[in-house]
Amino acid sequence: MLGVLALRIIAGFVMPRLPAQLPGSAAMPASDFGRFFLHGVSGILTAAVFVIAGAKTAPRGRLATAIVLAGLWSLAALSSHVLVHLSQGTPHYTHFFVEAVGAAGAAVVIGYSEKSAGRSQ
């Protein structure tokens, strides 16, 4: 819920509401920066939340769970952003890379948190 709220706030800054336009005037195109920025932020956040939430709910073997979930998310991103588009259209390598980095980064965070939790006990 908080992630959706954060994305809505970011979207308000990146994509401001369009002002009223006179009839017959040309519509303002969406900025490329806003489109890429929002996709990048949502890709990283979604992948990270998936991996962290899944690993933190595991009763044991959290690092192994995080690595498996990061691999699964990366495979899903590969199939949805690259493999689907190979026969028709242009593959979205950047979108795949962003989501894979988000998943791998979350696995690193889980590994670091498990390592530091082991030291404190």
PDB file of N, CA and C in Angstrom:
ATOM      1  N   MET A   1       0.821  -1.178   0.000  1.00  0.00           N
ATOM      2  CA  MET A   1       0.000   0.000   0.000  1.00  0.00           C
ATOM      3  C   MET A   1       0.876   1.256   0.000  1.00  0.00           C
ATOM      4  N   LEU A   2       1.928   1.232   0.817  1.00  0.00           N
ATOM      5  CA  LEU A   2       2.811   2.396   0.854  1.00  0.00           C
ATOM      6  C   LEU A   2       3.584   2.548  -0.452  1.00  0.00           C
ATOM      7  N   GLY A   3       3.915   1.412  -1.087  1.00  0.00           N
ATOM      8  CA  GLY A   3       4.611   1.470  -2.370  1.00  0.00           C
ATOM      9  C   GLY A   3       3.757   2.132  -3.436  1.00  0.00           C
ATOM     10  N   VAL A   4       2.457   1.830  -3.434  1.00  0.00           N
ATOM     11  CA  VAL A   4       1.543   2.441  -4.401  1.00  0.00           C
ATOM     12  C   VAL A   4       1.433   3.935  -4.147  1.00  0.00           C
ATOM     13  N   LEU A   5       1.367   4.309  -2.878  1.00  0.00           N
ATOM     14  CA  LEU A   5       1.303   5.725  -2.533  1.00  0.00           C
ATOM     15  C   LEU A   5       2.576   6.450  -2.959  1.00  0.00           C
ATOM     16  N   ALA A   6       3.727   5.812  -2.734  1.00  0.00           N
ATOM     17  CA  ALA A   6       4.997   6.425  -3.139  1.00  0.00           C
ATOM     18  C   ALA A   6       5.058   6.579  -4.660  1.00  0.00           C
ATOM     19  N   LEU A   7       4.608   5.552  -5.388  1.00  0.00           N
ATOM     20  CA  LEU A   7       4.592   5.654  -6.850  1.00  0.00           C
ATOM     21  C   LEU A   7       3.648   6.744  -7.324  1.00  0.00           C
ATOM     22  N   ARG A   8       2.523   6.913  -6.648  1.00  0.00           N
ATOM     23  CA  ARG A   8       1.571   7.969  -7.036  1.00  0.00           C
ATOM     24  C   ARG A   8       2.176   9.359  -6.813  1.00  0.00           C
ATOM     25  N   ILE A   9       2.906   9.513  -5.722  1.00  0.00           N
ATOM     26  CA  ILE A   9       3.553  10.801  -5.454  1.00  0.00           C
ATOM     27  C   ILE A   9       4.637  11.073  -6.493  1.00  0.00           C
ATOM     28  N   ILE A  10       5.454  10.053  -6.781  1.00  0.00           N
ATOM     29  CA  ILE A  10       6.503  10.217  -7.793  1.00  0.00           C
ATOM     30  C   ILE A  10       5.881  10.518  -9.155  1.00  0.00           C
ATOM     31  N   ALA A  11       4.797   9.828  -9.468  1.00  0.00           N
ATOM     32  CA  ALA A  11       4.133  10.064 -10.751  1.00  0.00           C
ATOM     33  C   ALA A  11       3.613  11.487 -10.840  1.00  0.00           C
ATOM     34  N   GLY A  12       3.164  12.050  -9.733  1.00  0.00           N
ATOM     35  CA  GLY A  12       2.700  13.435  -9.736  1.00  0.00           C
ATOM     36  C   GLY A  12       3.811  14.421 -10.055  1.00  0.00           C
ATOM     37  N   PHE A  13       5.032  14.119  -9.604  1.00  0.00           N
ATOM     38  CA  PHE A  13       6.159  14.995  -9.909  1.00  0.00           C
ATOM     39  C   PHE A  13       6.648  14.823 -11.341  1.00  0.00           C
ATOM     40  N   VAL A  14       6.705  13.581 -11.788  1.00  0.00           N
ATOM     41  CA  VAL A  14       7.263  13.304 -13.104  1.00  0.00           C
ATOM     42  C   VAL A  14       6.272  13.613 -14.221  1.00  0.00           C
ATOM     43  N   MET A  15       5.019  13.267 -14.010  1.00  0.00           N
ATOM     44  CA  MET A  15       3.991  13.493 -15.024  1.00  0.00           C
ATOM     45  C   MET A  15       2.938  14.439 -14.456  1.00  0.00           C
ATOM     46  N   PRO A  16       3.164  15.740 -14.522  1.00  0.00           N
ATOM     47  CA  PRO A  16       2.179  16.670 -13.979  1.00  0.00           C
ATOM     48  C   PRO A  16       0.881  16.589 -14.778  1.00  0.00           C
ATOM     49  N   ARG A  17      -0.200  16.925 -14.118  1.00  0.00           N
ATOM     50  CA  ARG A  17      -1.491  16.903 -14.788  1.00  0.00           C
ATOM     51  C   ARG A  17      -1.497  17.895 -15.939  1.00  0.00           C
ATOM     52  N   LEU A  18      -2.121  17.489 -17.030  1.00  0.00           N
ATOM     53  CA  LEU A  18      -2.178  18.364 -18.197  1.00  0.00           C
ATOM     54  C   LEU A  18      -3.140  19.516 -17.942  1.00  0.00           C
ATOM     55  N   PRO A  19      -2.745  20.730 -18.311  1.00  0.00           N
ATOM     56  CA  PRO A  19      -3.671  21.849 -18.168  1.00  0.00           C
ATOM     57  C   PRO A  19      -4.794  21.734 -19.201  1.00  0.00           C
ATOM     58  N   ALA A  20      -5.850  22.437 -18.954  1.00  0.00           N
ATOM     59  CA  ALA A  20      -6.968  22.439 -19.894  1.00  0.00           C
ATOM     60  C   ALA A  20      -6.497  23.011 -21.228  1.00  0.00           C
ATOM     61  N   GLN A  21      -6.963  22.408 -22.316  1.00  0.00           N
ATOM     62  CA  GLN A  21      -6.551  22.851 -23.647  1.00  0.00           C
ATOM     63  C   GLN A  21      -7.775  23.303 -24.428  1.00  0.00           C
ATOM     64  N   LEU A  22      -7.535  24.239 -25.302  1.00  0.00           N
ATOM     65  CA  LEU A  22      -8.605  24.713 -26.162  1.00  0.00           C
ATOM     66  C   LEU A  22      -8.979  23.628 -27.163  1.00  0.00           C
ATOM     67  N   PRO A  23     -10.234  23.556 -27.553  1.00  0.00           N
ATOM     68  CA  PRO A  23     -10.628  22.561 -28.553  1.00  0.00           C
ATOM     69  C   PRO A  23      -9.865  22.774 -29.861  1.00  0.00           C
ATOM     70  N   GLY A  24      -9.405  21.690 -30.421  1.00  0.00           N
ATOM     71  CA  GLY A  24      -8.686  21.760 -31.687  1.00  0.00           C
ATOM     72  C   GLY A  24      -7.191  21.957 -31.540  1.00  0.00           C
ATOM     73  N   SER A  25      -6.701  22.219 -30.332  1.00  0.00           N
ATOM     74  CA  SER A  25      -5.261  22.400 -30.152  1.00  0.00           C
ATOM     75  C   SER A  25      -4.597  21.031 -30.029  1.00  0.00           C
ATOM     76  N   ALA A  26      -3.328  20.992 -30.366  1.00  0.00           N
ATOM     77  CA  ALA A  26      -2.592  19.729 -30.331  1.00  0.00           C
ATOM     78  C   ALA A  26      -2.379  19.271 -28.891  1.00  0.00           C
ATOM     79  N   ALA A  27      -2.480  17.988 -28.674  1.00  0.00           N
ATOM     80  CA  ALA A  27      -2.273  17.430 -27.336  1.00  0.00           C
ATOM     81  C   ALA A  27      -0.787  17.394 -27.016  1.00  0.00           C
ATOM     82  N   MET A  28      -0.466  17.606 -25.760  1.00  0.00           N
ATOM     83  CA  MET A  28       0.930  17.565 -25.324  1.00  0.00           C
ATOM     84  C   MET A  28       1.357  16.106 -25.200  1.00  0.00           C
ATOM     85  N   PRO A  29       2.463  15.716 -25.830  1.00  0.00           N
ATOM     86  CA  PRO A  29       2.924  14.326 -25.688  1.00  0.00           C
ATOM     87  C   PRO A  29       3.548  14.110 -24.311  1.00  0.00           C
ATOM     88  N   ALA A  30       3.471  12.883 -23.840  1.00  0.00           N
ATOM     89  CA  ALA A  30       4.104  12.541 -22.564  1.00  0.00           C
ATOM     90  C   ALA A  30       5.618  12.608 -22.725  1.00  0.00           C
ATOM     91  N   SER A  31       6.298  13.056 -21.682  1.00  0.00           N
ATOM     92  CA  SER A  31       7.751  13.171 -21.782  1.00  0.00           C
ATOM     93  C   SER A  31       8.386  11.785 -21.737  1.00  0.00           C
ATOM     94  N   ASP A  32       9.450  11.619 -22.494  1.00  0.00           N
ATOM     95  CA  ASP A  32      10.157  10.337 -22.489  1.00  0.00           C
ATOM     96  C   ASP A  32      10.825  10.088 -21.144  1.00  0.00           C
ATOM     97  N   PHE A  33      11.314  11.147 -20.519  1.00  0.00           N
ATOM     98  CA  PHE A  33      11.945  10.991 -19.213  1.00  0.00           C
ATOM     99  C   PHE A  33      10.956  10.422 -18.203  1.00  0.00           C
ATOM    100  N   GLY A  34       9.760  10.977 -18.170  1.00  0.00           N
ATOM    101  CA  GLY A  34       8.748  10.502 -17.233  1.00  0.00           C
ATOM    102  C   GLY A  34       8.381   9.060 -17.475  1.00  0.00           C
ATOM    103  N   ARG A  35       8.246   8.685 -18.724  1.00  0.00           N
ATOM    104  CA  ARG A  35       7.876   7.320 -19.062  1.00  0.00           C
ATOM    105  C   ARG A  35       8.968   6.337 -18.641  1.00  0.00           C
ATOM    106  N   PHE A  36      10.214   6.646 -18.962  1.00  0.00           N
ATOM    107  CA  PHE A  36      11.314   5.758 -18.605  1.00  0.00           C
ATOM    108  C   PHE A  36      11.567   5.738 -17.099  1.00  0.00           C
ATOM    109  N   PHE A  37      11.461   6.900 -16.469  1.00  0.00           N
ATOM    110  CA  PHE A  37      11.707   6.988 -15.033  1.00  0.00           C
ATOM    111  C   PHE A  37      10.678   6.173 -14.263  1.00  0.00           C
ATOM    112  N   LEU A  38       9.409   6.334 -14.617  1.00  0.00           N
ATOM    113  CA  LEU A  38       8.370   5.595 -13.906  1.00  0.00           C
ATOM    114  C   LEU A  38       8.499   4.094 -14.126  1.00  0.00           C
ATOM    115  N   HIS A  39       8.832   3.695 -15.336  1.00  0.00           N
ATOM    116  CA  HIS A  39       8.991   2.267 -15.579  1.00  0.00           C
ATOM    117  C   HIS A  39      10.186   1.719 -14.808  1.00  0.00           C
ATOM    118  N   GLY A  40      11.243   2.474 -14.739  1.00  0.00           N
ATOM    119  CA  GLY A  40      12.421   2.028 -13.991  1.00  0.00           C
ATOM    120  C   GLY A  40      12.145   1.912 -12.503  1.00  0.00           C
ATOM    121  N   VAL A  41      11.510   2.929 -11.940  1.00  0.00           N
ATOM    122  CA  VAL A  41      11.213   2.910 -10.507  1.00  0.00           C
ATOM    123  C   VAL A  41      10.234   1.788 -10.187  1.00  0.00           C
ATOM    124  N   SER A  42       9.193   1.650 -10.985  1.00  0.00           N
ATOM    125  CA  SER A  42       8.224   0.587 -10.699  1.00  0.00           C
ATOM    126  C   SER A  42       8.840  -0.789 -10.899  1.00  0.00           C
ATOM    127  N   GLY A  43       9.722  -0.958 -11.884  1.00  0.00           N
ATOM    128  CA  GLY A  43      10.374  -2.248 -12.095  1.00  0.00           C
ATOM    129  C   GLY A  43      11.278  -2.636 -10.947  1.00  0.00           C
ATOM    130  N   ILE A  44      12.075  -1.687 -10.483  1.00  0.00           N
ATOM    131  CA  ILE A  44      12.985  -1.961  -9.368  1.00  0.00           C
ATOM    132  C   ILE A  44      12.209  -2.229  -8.090  1.00  0.00           C
ATOM    133  N   LEU A  45      11.202  -1.396  -7.800  1.00  0.00           N
ATOM    134  CA  LEU A  45      10.439  -1.578  -6.570  1.00  0.00           C
ATOM    135  C   LEU A  45       9.663  -2.892  -6.568  1.00  0.00           C
ATOM    136  N   THR A  46       9.037  -3.219  -7.685  1.00  0.00           N
ATOM    137  CA  THR A  46       8.257  -4.447  -7.740  1.00  0.00           C
ATOM    138  C   THR A  46       9.148  -5.671  -7.560  1.00  0.00           C
ATOM    139  N   ALA A  47      10.274  -5.704  -8.240  1.00  0.00           N
ATOM    140  CA  ALA A  47      11.189  -6.834  -8.116  1.00  0.00           C
ATOM    141  C   ALA A  47      11.743  -6.930  -6.700  1.00  0.00           C
ATOM    142  N   ALA A  48      12.130  -5.805  -6.130  1.00  0.00           N
ATOM    143  CA  ALA A  48      12.706  -5.813  -4.788  1.00  0.00           C
ATOM    144  C   ALA A  48      11.681  -6.245  -3.738  1.00  0.00           C
ATOM    145  N   VAL A  49      10.463  -5.742  -3.851  1.00  0.00           N
ATOM    146  CA  VAL A  49       9.433  -6.117  -2.883  1.00  0.00           C
ATOM    147  C   VAL A  49       9.117  -7.605  -2.992  1.00  0.00           C
ATOM    148  N   PHE A  50       9.051  -8.136  -4.200  1.00  0.00           N
ATOM    149  CA  PHE A  50       8.788  -9.559  -4.396  1.00  0.00           C
ATOM    150  C   PHE A  50       9.857 -10.412  -3.728  1.00  0.00           C
ATOM    151  N   VAL A  51      11.111 -10.080  -3.965  1.00  0.00           N
ATOM    152  CA  VAL A  51      12.212 -10.886  -3.419  1.00  0.00           C
ATOM    153  C   VAL A  51      12.320 -10.724  -1.904  1.00  0.00           C
ATOM    154  N   ILE A  52      12.256  -9.510  -1.416  1.00  0.00           N
ATOM    155  CA  ILE A  52      12.412  -9.278   0.023  1.00  0.00           C
ATOM    156  C   ILE A  52      11.244  -9.870   0.808  1.00  0.00           C
ATOM    157  N   ALA A  53      10.016  -9.654   0.327  1.00  0.00           N
ATOM    158  CA  ALA A  53       8.855 -10.196   1.042  1.00  0.00           C
ATOM    159  C   ALA A  53       8.880 -11.720   1.042  1.00  0.00           C
ATOM    160  N   GLY A  54       9.235 -12.315  -0.077  1.00  0.00           N
ATOM    161  CA  GLY A  54       9.298 -13.768  -0.131  1.00  0.00           C
ATOM    162  C   GLY A  54      10.385 -14.338   0.749  1.00  0.00           C
ATOM    163  N   ALA A  55      11.537 -13.687   0.769  1.00  0.00           N
ATOM    164  CA  ALA A  55      12.654 -14.198   1.577  1.00  0.00           C
ATOM    165  C   ALA A  55      12.422 -13.981   3.067  1.00  0.00           C
ATOM    166  N   LYS A  56      11.830 -12.856   3.428  1.00  0.00           N
ATOM    167  CA  LYS A  56      11.597 -12.582   4.852  1.00  0.00           C
ATOM    168  C   LYS A  56      10.515 -13.481   5.438  1.00  0.00           C
ATOM    169  N   THR A  57       9.608 -13.982   4.612  1.00  0.00           N
ATOM    170  CA  THR A  57       8.576 -14.881   5.129  1.00  0.00           C
ATOM    171  C   THR A  57       9.039 -16.323   5.193  1.00  0.00           C
ATOM    172  N   ALA A  58      10.195 -16.614   4.626  1.00  0.00           N
ATOM    173  CA  ALA A  58      10.726 -17.976   4.692  1.00  0.00           C
ATOM    174  C   ALA A  58      11.182 -18.261   6.123  1.00  0.00           C
ATOM    175  N   PRO A  59      10.820 -19.437   6.675  1.00  0.00           N
ATOM    176  CA  PRO A  59      11.209 -19.725   8.059  1.00  0.00           C
ATOM    177  C   PRO A  59      12.714 -19.930   8.229  1.00  0.00           C
ATOM    178  N   ARG A  60      13.397 -20.458   7.209  1.00  0.00           N
ATOM    179  CA  ARG A  60      14.848 -20.628   7.259  1.00  0.00           C
ATOM    180  C   ARG A  60      15.362 -20.629   5.822  1.00  0.00           C
ATOM    181  N   GLY A  61      16.636 -20.475   5.668  1.00  0.00           N
ATOM    182  CA  GLY A  61      17.222 -20.435   4.333  1.00  0.00           C
ATOM    183  C   GLY A  61      16.796 -19.205   3.553  1.00  0.00           C
ATOM    184  N   ARG A  62      16.833 -18.055   4.214  1.00  0.00           N
ATOM    185  CA  ARG A  62      16.342 -16.828   3.568  1.00  0.00           C
ATOM    186  C   ARG A  62      17.217 -16.413   2.381  1.00  0.00           C
ATOM    187  N   LEU A  63      18.520 -16.582   2.495  1.00  0.00           N
ATOM    188  CA  LEU A  63      19.387 -16.187   1.393  1.00  0.00           C
ATOM    189  C   LEU A  63      19.146 -17.072   0.178  1.00  0.00           C
ATOM    190  N   ALA A  64      19.024 -18.367   0.398  1.00  0.00           N
ATOM    191  CA  ALA A  64      18.743 -19.276  -0.716  1.00  0.00           C
ATOM    192  C   ALA A  64      17.389 -18.961  -1.342  1.00  0.00           C
ATOM    193  N   THR A  65      16.401 -18.651  -0.502  1.00  0.00           N
ATOM    194  CA  THR A  65      15.080 -18.279  -1.010  1.00  0.00           C
ATOM    195  C   THR A  65      15.168 -16.999  -1.824  1.00  0.00           C
ATOM    196  N   ALA A  66      15.931 -16.020  -1.352  1.00  0.00           N
ATOM    197  CA  ALA A  66      16.077 -14.760  -2.078  1.00  0.00           C
ATOM    198  C   ALA A  66      16.748 -14.978  -3.425  1.00  0.00           C
ATOM    199  N   ILE A  67      17.744 -15.845  -3.477  1.00  0.00           N
ATOM    200  CA  ILE A  67      18.433 -16.117  -4.746  1.00  0.00           C
ATOM    201  C   ILE A  67      17.500 -16.811  -5.724  1.00  0.00           C
ATOM    202  N   VAL A  68      16.711 -17.770  -5.234  1.00  0.00           N
ATOM    203  CA  VAL A  68      15.753 -18.467  -6.114  1.00  0.00           C
ATOM    204  C   VAL A  68      14.689 -17.499  -6.613  1.00  0.00           C
ATOM    205  N   LEU A  69      14.164 -16.662  -5.717  1.00  0.00           N
ATOM    206  CA  LEU A  69      13.132 -15.701  -6.130  1.00  0.00           C
ATOM    207  C   LEU A  69      13.688 -14.664  -7.109  1.00  0.00           C
ATOM    208  N   ALA A  70      14.925 -14.234  -6.895  1.00  0.00           N
ATOM    209  CA  ALA A  70      15.538 -13.289  -7.833  1.00  0.00           C
ATOM    210  C   ALA A  70      15.716 -13.937  -9.208  1.00  0.00           C
ATOM    211  N   GLY A  71      16.112 -15.211  -9.216  1.00  0.00           N
ATOM    212  CA  GLY A  71      16.229 -15.922 -10.490  1.00  0.00           C
ATOM    213  C   GLY A  71      14.894 -16.080 -11.186  1.00  0.00           C
ATOM    214  N   LEU A  72      13.854 -16.425 -10.419  1.00  0.00           N
ATOM    215  CA  LEU A  72      12.520 -16.558 -11.008  1.00  0.00           C
ATOM    216  C   LEU A  72      12.015 -15.231 -11.563  1.00  0.00           C
ATOM    217  N   TRP A  73      12.240 -14.144 -10.806  1.00  0.00           N
ATOM    218  CA  TRP A  73      11.793 -12.833 -11.285  1.00  0.00           C
ATOM    219  C   TRP A  73      12.561 -12.443 -12.546  1.00  0.00           C
ATOM    220  N   SER A  74      13.852 -12.733 -12.577  1.00  0.00           N
ATOM    221  CA  SER A  74      14.643 -12.402 -13.764  1.00  0.00           C
ATOM    222  C   SER A  74      14.186 -13.203 -14.974  1.00  0.00           C
ATOM    223  N   LEU A  75      13.842 -14.474 -14.777  1.00  0.00           N
ATOM    224  CA  LEU A  75      13.315 -15.268 -15.883  1.00  0.00           C
ATOM    225  C   LEU A  75      11.975 -14.735 -16.367  1.00  0.00           C
ATOM    226  N   ALA A  76      11.122 -14.332 -15.431  1.00  0.00           N
ATOM    227  CA  ALA A  76       9.831 -13.755 -15.821  1.00  0.00           C
ATOM    228  C   ALA A  76      10.029 -12.443 -16.582  1.00  0.00           C
ATOM    229  N   ALA A  77      10.975 -11.620 -16.126  1.00  0.00           N
ATOM    230  CA  ALA A  77      11.251 -10.367 -16.821  1.00  0.00           C
ATOM    231  C   ALA A  77      11.857 -10.627 -18.204  1.00  0.00           C
ATOM    232  N   LEU A  78      12.721 -11.628 -18.294  1.00  0.00           N
ATOM    233  CA  LEU A  78      13.306 -11.982 -19.590  1.00  0.00           C
ATOM    234  C   LEU A  78      12.226 -12.420 -20.570  1.00  0.00           C
ATOM    235  N   SER A  79      11.319 -13.248 -20.097  1.00  0.00           N
ATOM    236  CA  SER A  79      10.281 -13.732 -21.017  1.00  0.00           C
ATOM    237  C   SER A  79       9.304 -12.632 -21.397  1.00  0.00           C
ATOM    238  N   SER A  80       8.973 -11.725 -20.465  1.00  0.00           N
ATOM    239  CA  SER A  80       7.976 -10.703 -20.785  1.00  0.00           C
ATOM    240  C   SER A  80       8.551  -9.500 -21.528  1.00  0.00           C
ATOM    241  N   HIS A  81       9.836  -9.217 -21.366  1.00  0.00           N
ATOM    242  CA  HIS A  81      10.400  -8.031 -22.006  1.00  0.00           C
ATOM    243  C   HIS A  81      11.268  -8.342 -23.227  1.00  0.00           C
ATOM    244  N   VAL A  82      11.802  -9.546 -23.320  1.00  0.00           N
ATOM    245  CA  VAL A  82      12.722  -9.852 -24.410  1.00  0.00           C
ATOM    246  C   VAL A  82      12.202 -10.969 -25.305  1.00  0.00           C
ATOM    247  N   LEU A  83      11.942 -12.132 -24.737  1.00  0.00           N
ATOM    248  CA  LEU A  83      11.609 -13.297 -25.548  1.00  0.00           C
ATOM    249  C   LEU A  83      10.309 -13.131 -26.328  1.00  0.00           C
ATOM    250  N   VAL A  84       9.338 -12.466 -25.741  1.00  0.00           N
ATOM    251  CA  VAL A  84       8.058 -12.252 -26.422  1.00  0.00           C
ATOM    252  C   VAL A  84       8.244 -11.392 -27.664  1.00  0.00           C
ATOM    253  N   HIS A  85       9.173 -10.468 -27.613  1.00  0.00           N
ATOM    254  CA  HIS A  85       9.339  -9.500 -28.694  1.00  0.00           C
ATOM    255  C   HIS A  85      10.336  -9.926 -29.766  1.00  0.00           C
ATOM    256  N   LEU A  86      10.955 -11.078 -29.619  1.00  0.00           N
ATOM    257  CA  LEU A  86      11.957 -11.474 -30.609  1.00  0.00           C
ATOM    258  C   LEU A  86      11.342 -11.724 -31.987  1.00  0.00           C
ATOM    259  N   SER A  87      10.177 -12.334 -32.028  1.00  0.00           N
ATOM    260  CA  SER A  87       9.561 -12.632 -33.329  1.00  0.00           C
ATOM    261  C   SER A  87       8.816 -11.432 -33.897  1.00  0.00           C
ATOM    262  N   GLN A  88       8.383 -10.535 -33.045  1.00  0.00           N
ATOM    263  CA  GLN A  88       7.626  -9.369 -33.509  1.00  0.00           C
ATOM    264  C   GLN A  88       8.013  -8.148 -32.687  1.00  0.00           C
ATOM    265  N   GLY A  89       8.630  -7.202 -33.298  1.00  0.00           N
ATOM    266  CA  GLY A  89       8.961  -5.973 -32.596  1.00  0.00           C
ATOM    267  C   GLY A  89      10.364  -5.958 -32.024  1.00  0.00           C
ATOM    268  N   THR A  90      10.600  -4.969 -31.176  1.00  0.00           N
ATOM    269  CA  THR A  90      11.920  -4.743 -30.606  1.00  0.00           C
ATOM    270  C   THR A  90      11.962  -5.228 -29.166  1.00  0.00           C
ATOM    271  N   PRO A  91      12.944  -6.040 -28.803  1.00  0.00           N
ATOM    272  CA  PRO A  91      13.064  -6.469 -27.397  1.00  0.00           C
ATOM    273  C   PRO A  91      13.412  -5.281 -26.499  1.00  0.00           C
ATOM    274  N   HIS A  92      12.917  -5.308 -25.288  1.00  0.00           N
ATOM    275  CA  HIS A  92      13.133  -4.234 -24.328  1.00  0.00           C
ATOM    276  C   HIS A  92      14.221  -4.668 -23.353  1.00  0.00           C
ATOM    277  N   TYR A  93      15.458  -4.611 -23.802  1.00  0.00           N
ATOM    278  CA  TYR A  93      16.573  -5.069 -22.975  1.00  0.00           C
ATOM    279  C   TYR A  93      16.746  -4.200 -21.736  1.00  0.00           C
ATOM    280  N   THR A  94      16.502  -2.917 -21.855  1.00  0.00           N
ATOM    281  CA  THR A  94      16.672  -2.022 -20.712  1.00  0.00           C
ATOM    282  C   THR A  94      15.676  -2.359 -19.616  1.00  0.00           C
ATOM    283  N   HIS A  95      14.438  -2.624 -19.971  1.00  0.00           N
ATOM    284  CA  HIS A  95      13.428  -2.968 -18.970  1.00  0.00           C
ATOM    285  C   HIS A  95      13.801  -4.265 -18.262  1.00  0.00           C
ATOM    286  N   PHE A  96      14.286  -5.236 -19.029  1.00  0.00           N
ATOM    287  CA  PHE A  96      14.732  -6.497 -18.423  1.00  0.00           C
ATOM    288  C   PHE A  96      15.888  -6.245 -17.471  1.00  0.00           C
ATOM    289  N   PHE A  97      16.862  -5.455 -17.891  1.00  0.00           N
ATOM    290  CA  PHE A  97      18.037  -5.182 -17.068  1.00  0.00           C
ATOM    291  C   PHE A  97      17.643  -4.488 -15.767  1.00  0.00           C
ATOM    292  N   VAL A  98      16.732  -3.528 -15.842  1.00  0.00           N
ATOM    293  CA  VAL A  98      16.304  -2.791 -14.649  1.00  0.00           C
ATOM    294  C   VAL A  98      15.649  -3.735 -13.649  1.00  0.00           C
ATOM    295  N   GLU A  99      14.773  -4.612 -14.120  1.00  0.00           N
ATOM    296  CA  GLU A  99      14.097  -5.524 -13.205  1.00  0.00           C
ATOM    297  C   GLU A  99      15.048  -6.573 -12.646  1.00  0.00           C
ATOM    298  N   ALA A 100      15.987  -7.042 -13.462  1.00  0.00           N
ATOM    299  CA  ALA A 100      16.964  -8.015 -12.976  1.00  0.00           C
ATOM    300  C   ALA A 100      17.873  -7.387 -11.920  1.00  0.00           C
ATOM    301  N   VAL A 101      18.259  -6.139 -12.113  1.00  0.00           N
ATOM    302  CA  VAL A 101      19.086  -5.446 -11.120  1.00  0.00           C
ATOM    303  C   VAL A 101      18.310  -5.254  -9.818  1.00  0.00           C
ATOM    304  N   GLY A 102      17.025  -4.923  -9.912  1.00  0.00           N
ATOM    305  CA  GLY A 102      16.208  -4.781  -8.704  1.00  0.00           C
ATOM    306  C   GLY A 102      16.110  -6.076  -7.926  1.00  0.00           C
ATOM    307  N   ALA A 103      15.911  -7.185  -8.626  1.00  0.00           N
ATOM    308  CA  ALA A 103      15.813  -8.488  -7.960  1.00  0.00           C
ATOM    309  C   ALA A 103      17.159  -8.898  -7.353  1.00  0.00           C
ATOM    310  N   ALA A 104      18.233  -8.705  -8.097  1.00  0.00           N
ATOM    311  CA  ALA A 104      19.562  -9.062  -7.586  1.00  0.00           C
ATOM    312  C   ALA A 104      19.949  -8.172  -6.405  1.00  0.00           C
ATOM    313  N   GLY A 105      19.625  -6.906  -6.481  1.00  0.00           N
ATOM    314  CA  GLY A 105      19.902  -6.001  -5.370  1.00  0.00           C
ATOM    315  C   GLY A 105      19.156  -6.384  -4.105  1.00  0.00           C
ATOM    316  N   ALA A 106      17.925  -6.834  -4.266  1.00  0.00           N
ATOM    317  CA  ALA A 106      17.155  -7.282  -3.104  1.00  0.00           C
ATOM    318  C   ALA A 106      17.761  -8.543  -2.504  1.00  0.00           C
ATOM    319  N   ALA A 107      18.260  -9.435  -3.346  1.00  0.00           N
ATOM    320  CA  ALA A 107      18.920 -10.639  -2.832  1.00  0.00           C
ATOM    321  C   ALA A 107      20.188 -10.267  -2.064  1.00  0.00           C
ATOM    322  N   VAL A 108      20.919  -9.270  -2.536  1.00  0.00           N
ATOM    323  CA  VAL A 108      22.111  -8.802  -1.831  1.00  0.00           C
ATOM    324  C   VAL A 108      21.726  -8.207  -0.479  1.00  0.00           C
ATOM    325  N   VAL A 109      20.626  -7.451  -0.445  1.00  0.00           N
ATOM    326  CA  VAL A 109      20.160  -6.866   0.816  1.00  0.00           C
ATOM    327  C   VAL A 109      19.799  -7.970   1.813  1.00  0.00           C
ATOM    328  N   ILE A 110      19.121  -9.004   1.339  1.00  0.00           N
ATOM    329  CA  ILE A 110      18.770 -10.129   2.217  1.00  0.00           C
ATOM    330  C   ILE A 110      20.043 -10.817   2.723  1.00  0.00           C
ATOM    331  N   GLY A 111      20.992 -11.043   1.827  1.00  0.00           N
ATOM    332  CA  GLY A 111      22.249 -11.665   2.245  1.00  0.00           C
ATOM    333  C   GLY A 111      22.980 -10.844   3.288  1.00  0.00           C
ATOM    334  N   TYR A 112      23.008  -9.535   3.091  1.00  0.00           N
ATOM    335  CA  TYR A 112      23.672  -8.653   4.051  1.00  0.00           C
ATOM    336  C   TYR A 112      22.935  -8.635   5.381  1.00  0.00           C
ATOM    337  N   SER A 113      21.598  -8.619   5.340  1.00  0.00           N
ATOM    338  CA  SER A 113      20.841  -8.585   6.586  1.00  0.00           C
ATOM    339  C   SER A 113      20.987  -9.903   7.354  1.00  0.00           C
ATOM    340  N   GLU A 114      21.070 -11.013   6.631  1.00  0.00           N
ATOM    341  CA  GLU A 114      21.264 -12.298   7.295  1.00  0.00           C
ATOM    342  C   GLU A 114      22.673 -12.397   7.889  1.00  0.00           C
ATOM    343  N   LYS A 115      23.642 -11.848   7.187  1.00  0.00           N
ATOM    344  CA  LYS A 115      25.012 -11.866   7.686  1.00  0.00           C
ATOM    345  C   LYS A 115      25.147 -10.998   8.938  1.00  0.00           C
ATOM    346  N   SER A 116      24.545  -9.815   8.915  1.00  0.00           N
ATOM    347  CA  SER A 116      24.633  -8.927  10.088  1.00  0.00           C
ATOM    348  C   SER A 116      23.780  -9.449  11.238  1.00  0.00           C
ATOM    349  N   ALA A 117      22.685 -10.163  10.947  1.00  0.00           N
ATOM    350  CA  ALA A 117      21.877 -10.731  12.037  1.00  0.00           C
ATOM    351  C   ALA A 117      22.635 -11.875  12.712  1.00  0.00           C
ATOM    352  N   GLY A 118      23.438 -12.595  11.968  1.00  0.00           N
ATOM    353  CA  GLY A 118      24.236 -13.676  12.547  1.00  0.00           C
ATOM    354  C   GLY A 118      25.326 -13.161  13.473  1.00  0.00           C
ATOM    355  N   ARG A 119      25.856 -11.983  13.183  1.00  0.00           N
ATOM    356  CA  ARG A 119      26.912 -11.401  14.024  1.00  0.00           C
ATOM    357  C   ARG A 119      26.382 -10.911  15.353  1.00  0.00           C
ATOM    358  N   SER A 120      25.158 -10.373  15.330  1.00  0.00           N
ATOM    359  CA  SER A 120      24.619  -9.754  16.554  1.00  0.00           C
ATOM    360  C   SER A 120      24.181 -10.786  17.578  1.00  0.00           C
ATOM    361  N   GLN A 121      23.998 -12.032  17.183  1.00  0.00           N
ATOM    362  CA  GLN A 121      23.518 -13.034  18.130  1.00  0.00           C
ATOM    363  C   GLN A 121      24.634 -13.673  18.892  1.00  0.00           C
TER     364      GLN A 121
END
